[in-house]
Amino acid sequence: MRLAVVEDDDGVGDALVAALTVRGHQAKRMRRGADLLIAHRGYDAVILDLGLPDGDGLQVLRQLREVSTVPVVILTARSDERSIVRGLRGNADDYVIKPPRIAELVARLENVTRRAAVAAAVRDSQRAQRQIVADTAHAMRNPLTALTIRLDPLGPAIPDHAAATFRGAVTETDRLTSLLDGLLTRADRLVPDVAAGTQFLDMRSLIGTDGIPLHTGAAAVYRRYHG
């Protein structure tokens, strides 16, 4: 992992960097919160002390969260409940009391970076789905104004090791085009909602057709009335 270690105490900071380096990680020492805010990009996680010479670490964390989602593990001597709660509610990913046990600290760092990777994959999939919807609707010159399809990568039918395959599957425009073709041939099954000016079609009625493996949660397609 590429780690930023924000610690003003030379003894603590240097020892921490050395211990992390021995375990195969790339640790960069920073002494001020401003150093982190200027150079936070490119790190897998941040180890952040709260007592910094240029300000409180919680304020640094708030400023960092305005521009970055990099995982942050607070490492501090503040062991009171109020400080711990403030740190976690301030969007720290974890909170560790000094002195740290290095193996435990590394395990916590691995945990927060793993969660961050999953969250990033979800965001990427959502962006891909939105782009597919826009491209497909444009290509078909279709009056559809929105398409919501819930694909569940954590369902029992898709094992963990297939996560990468799932992320690729959401980019298969042809499959969505096939689905839309099916919808257009079933216009008589649209359920109007006059008050909302919208027509709905329960996606469950299409499950099993055209070989499209959709999760049956709460997906729906709708199009707005035009006159």
Protein backbone atom coordinates (compact mmCIF):
# COMPACT_ATOMS: atom_id res chain seq x y z
CA MET A 1 0.00 0.00 0.00
CA ARG A 2 1.04 3.60 -0.58
CA LEU A 3 0.52 5.33 2.74
CA ALA A 4 0.71 8.94 3.90
CA VAL A 5 1.79 9.15 7.55
CA VAL A 6 0.84 12.54 9.00
CA GLU A 7 2.69 12.75 12.33
CA ASP A 8 4.62 15.70 13.78
CA ASP A 9 6.55 13.69 16.39
CA ASP A 10 9.79 12.57 14.73
CA GLY A 11 10.24 9.54 16.97
CA VAL A 12 6.74 8.22 16.40
CA GLY A 13 6.62 9.14 12.72
CA ASP A 14 10.00 7.68 11.78
CA ALA A 15 9.36 4.47 13.72
CA LEU A 16 5.98 4.06 12.05
CA VAL A 17 7.38 4.60 8.57
CA ALA A 18 10.17 2.10 9.25
CA ALA A 19 7.76 -0.54 10.56
CA LEU A 20 5.43 -0.16 7.59
CA THR A 21 8.32 -0.25 5.13
CA VAL A 22 9.62 -3.50 6.62
CA ARG A 23 6.19 -5.00 5.93
CA GLY A 24 6.42 -4.08 2.26
CA HIS A 25 4.43 -0.84 2.21
CA GLN A 26 5.46 2.53 0.78
CA ALA A 27 5.08 5.06 3.60
CA LYS A 28 5.61 8.79 3.14
CA ARG A 29 6.10 10.94 6.24
CA MET A 30 4.34 14.32 6.51
CA ARG A 31 4.61 16.64 9.50
CA ARG A 32 1.74 19.07 8.89
CA GLY A 33 -1.87 18.83 7.89
CA ALA A 34 -1.20 21.31 5.10
CA ASP A 35 1.32 18.89 3.60
CA LEU A 36 -1.42 16.28 3.29
CA LEU A 37 -3.96 18.67 1.80
CA ILE A 38 -1.46 19.73 -0.85
CA ALA A 39 -0.24 16.22 -1.72
CA HIS A 40 -3.04 13.78 -0.86
CA ARG A 41 -3.36 12.25 -4.33
CA GLY A 42 -1.82 8.91 -5.17
CA TYR A 43 -2.15 7.30 -1.73
CA ASP A 44 -4.13 4.20 -0.87
CA ALA A 45 -4.71 5.37 2.70
CA VAL A 46 -3.75 8.05 5.22
CA ILE A 47 -2.62 7.64 8.83
CA LEU A 48 -3.56 10.90 10.55
CA ASP A 49 -2.49 12.23 13.94
CA LEU A 50 -4.85 14.72 15.58
CA GLY A 51 -2.30 16.91 17.35
CA LEU A 52 -0.58 18.67 14.46
CA PRO A 53 1.50 21.87 14.59
CA ASP A 54 -0.63 23.74 12.05
CA GLY A 55 -4.08 22.78 13.35
CA ASP A 56 -6.29 20.07 14.74
CA GLY A 57 -6.35 16.82 12.80
CA LEU A 58 -10.15 16.76 12.74
CA GLN A 59 -10.18 20.06 10.87
CA VAL A 60 -7.62 18.65 8.44
CA LEU A 61 -9.90 15.63 7.95
CA ARG A 62 -12.91 17.85 7.22
CA GLN A 63 -10.92 19.79 4.63
CA LEU A 64 -9.59 16.59 3.08
CA ARG A 65 -13.10 15.15 2.75
CA GLU A 66 -14.11 18.12 0.63
CA VAL A 67 -11.71 17.00 -2.09
CA SER A 68 -10.94 13.30 -1.53
CA THR A 69 -12.42 9.97 -0.48
CA VAL A 70 -9.04 8.43 0.36
CA PRO A 71 -9.38 6.15 3.42
CA VAL A 72 -8.19 7.78 6.66
CA VAL A 73 -7.18 5.99 9.84
CA ILE A 74 -6.78 8.34 12.80
CA LEU A 75 -3.81 7.43 15.00
CA THR A 76 -3.77 9.48 18.19
CA ALA A 77 -3.21 9.47 21.93
CA ARG A 78 -6.75 10.84 22.46
CA SER A 79 -8.57 7.87 23.94
CA ASP A 80 -11.67 9.57 25.35
CA GLU A 81 -15.03 8.62 23.92
CA ARG A 82 -15.84 12.15 22.74
CA SER A 83 -12.71 12.31 20.57
CA ILE A 84 -13.33 8.86 19.12
CA VAL A 85 -16.94 9.70 18.25
CA ARG A 86 -15.96 13.03 16.72
CA GLY A 87 -13.32 11.34 14.60
CA LEU A 88 -15.62 8.64 13.27
CA ARG A 89 -18.48 11.06 12.68
CA GLY A 90 -16.02 13.33 10.92
CA ASN A 91 -15.70 10.61 8.25
CA ALA A 92 -12.57 8.88 9.46
CA ASP A 93 -12.62 5.27 8.30
CA ASP A 94 -11.09 3.96 11.53
CA TYR A 95 -9.67 5.21 14.83
CA VAL A 96 -6.61 3.72 16.56
CA ILE A 97 -5.15 4.69 19.94
CA LYS A 98 -1.39 5.17 20.38
CA PRO A 99 0.82 3.29 20.75
CA PRO A 100 -0.35 1.11 17.87
CA ARG A 101 0.24 -2.58 17.44
CA ILE A 102 1.68 -2.62 13.95
CA ALA A 103 0.11 -5.88 12.79
CA GLU A 104 -3.31 -4.66 13.93
CA LEU A 105 -2.78 -1.26 12.32
CA VAL A 106 -1.85 -2.88 9.02
CA ALA A 107 -4.93 -5.12 9.19
CA ARG A 108 -7.13 -2.09 9.76
CA LEU A 109 -5.50 -0.30 6.83
CA GLU A 110 -6.11 -3.30 4.61
CA ASN A 111 -9.73 -3.37 5.72
CA VAL A 112 -10.45 0.29 4.96
CA THR A 113 -8.71 0.14 1.58
CA ARG A 114 -10.71 -2.98 0.67
CA ARG A 115 -13.98 -1.23 1.54
CA ALA A 116 -12.90 1.81 -0.47
CA ALA A 117 -12.17 -0.37 -3.51
CA VAL A 118 -15.64 -1.93 -3.34
CA ALA A 119 -17.27 1.50 -3.06
CA ALA A 120 -15.26 2.75 -6.04
CA ALA A 121 -16.33 -0.27 -8.11
CA VAL A 122 -19.98 0.42 -7.30
CA ARG A 123 -19.61 4.06 -8.35
CA ASP A 124 -17.94 2.99 -11.61
CA SER A 125 -20.74 0.52 -12.35
CA GLN A 126 -23.39 3.16 -11.70
CA ARG A 127 -21.66 5.60 -14.03
CA ALA A 128 -21.39 2.89 -16.69
CA GLN A 129 -25.09 2.07 -16.39
CA ARG A 130 -26.08 5.72 -16.74
CA GLN A 131 -23.93 6.05 -19.86
CA ILE A 132 -25.37 2.88 -21.36
CA VAL A 133 -28.90 4.13 -20.82
CA ALA A 134 -28.13 7.44 -22.49
CA ASP A 135 -26.32 5.84 -25.44
CA THR A 136 -28.96 3.16 -25.98
CA ALA A 137 -31.90 5.57 -25.81
CA HIS A 138 -30.15 7.86 -28.29
CA ALA A 139 -29.32 5.02 -30.69
CA MET A 140 -32.91 3.74 -30.64
CA ARG A 141 -34.45 7.23 -30.86
CA ASN A 142 -36.69 6.09 -28.09
CA PRO A 143 -39.00 8.30 -25.99
CA LEU A 144 -37.73 6.61 -22.85
CA THR A 145 -36.49 9.26 -20.48
CA ALA A 146 -35.13 6.98 -17.79
CA LEU A 147 -34.23 3.37 -17.21
CA THR A 148 -33.52 1.83 -13.84
CA ILE A 149 -32.23 -1.72 -13.73
CA ARG A 150 -31.10 -3.27 -10.50
CA LEU A 151 -28.34 -5.82 -11.02
CA ASP A 152 -27.29 -7.49 -7.79
CA PRO A 153 -23.60 -8.56 -7.85
CA LEU A 154 -23.87 -9.85 -4.29
CA GLY A 155 -26.77 -12.20 -4.96
CA PRO A 156 -26.37 -15.97 -4.57
CA ALA A 157 -26.25 -16.50 -8.33
CA ILE A 158 -23.05 -14.49 -8.71
CA PRO A 159 -20.08 -15.57 -6.54
CA ASP A 160 -17.56 -13.13 -5.16
CA HIS A 161 -14.89 -14.05 -7.68
CA ALA A 162 -17.22 -12.98 -10.50
CA ALA A 163 -17.32 -9.34 -9.41
CA ALA A 164 -15.04 -8.28 -12.26
CA THR A 165 -17.27 -10.12 -14.74
CA PHE A 166 -20.30 -8.31 -13.34
CA ARG A 167 -18.67 -4.93 -13.76
CA GLY A 168 -17.96 -5.78 -17.37
CA ALA A 169 -21.48 -7.05 -17.96
CA VAL A 170 -23.07 -3.69 -17.24
CA THR A 171 -21.32 -2.32 -20.32
CA GLU A 172 -23.02 -4.75 -22.70
CA THR A 173 -25.21 -2.34 -24.61
CA ASP A 174 -26.59 -5.06 -26.88
CA ARG A 175 -28.27 -6.78 -23.96
CA LEU A 176 -29.96 -3.58 -22.88
CA THR A 177 -31.00 -2.89 -26.45
CA SER A 178 -32.62 -6.33 -26.55
CA LEU A 179 -34.43 -5.53 -23.34
CA LEU A 180 -35.72 -2.23 -24.72
CA ASP A 181 -36.93 -3.97 -27.88
CA GLY A 182 -38.91 -6.29 -25.64
CA LEU A 183 -40.38 -3.37 -23.76
CA LEU A 184 -41.52 -1.63 -26.92
CA THR A 185 -43.41 -4.75 -28.03
CA ARG A 186 -45.23 -4.82 -24.69
CA ALA A 187 -46.55 -1.27 -24.69
CA ASP A 188 -50.05 -2.55 -23.93
CA ARG A 189 -48.79 -3.69 -20.54
CA LEU A 190 -47.73 -0.23 -19.45
CA VAL A 191 -49.58 0.91 -16.33
CA PRO A 192 -50.44 4.63 -16.54
CA ASP A 193 -50.11 6.99 -13.63
CA VAL A 194 -51.99 10.01 -14.92
CA ALA A 195 -51.29 12.18 -11.88
CA ALA A 196 -47.56 11.77 -12.31
CA GLY A 197 -47.72 11.93 -16.11
CA THR A 198 -45.76 8.69 -16.23
CA GLN A 199 -46.18 5.13 -17.51
CA PHE A 200 -44.67 2.20 -15.62
CA LEU A 201 -43.89 -1.37 -16.59
CA ASP A 202 -43.07 -3.97 -13.96
CA MET A 203 -39.78 -5.53 -15.05
CA ARG A 204 -40.74 -8.81 -13.38
CA SER A 205 -43.10 -9.46 -16.27
CA LEU A 206 -40.09 -9.68 -18.56
CA ILE A 207 -37.91 -11.91 -16.42
CA GLY A 208 -36.90 -15.04 -18.24
CA THR A 209 -37.48 -13.60 -21.73
CA ASP A 210 -34.64 -13.08 -24.17
CA GLY A 211 -32.25 -14.68 -21.72
CA ILE A 212 -31.73 -11.43 -19.82
CA PRO A 213 -30.62 -12.24 -16.25
CA LEU A 214 -32.11 -9.40 -14.22
CA HIS A 215 -32.42 -9.23 -10.44
CA THR A 216 -36.15 -9.08 -9.67
CA GLY A 217 -35.93 -6.52 -6.90
CA ALA A 218 -37.70 -3.31 -7.89
CA ALA A 219 -36.68 -2.49 -11.41
CA ALA A 220 -38.97 -0.43 -13.60
CA VAL A 221 -38.93 1.33 -16.93
CA TYR A 222 -40.94 4.43 -17.50
CA ARG A 223 -41.57 7.01 -20.18
CA ARG A 224 -43.24 10.38 -19.97
CA TYR A 225 -46.39 11.30 -21.82
CA HIS A 226 -45.90 13.57 -24.79
CA GLY A 227 -49.26 15.30 -25.03
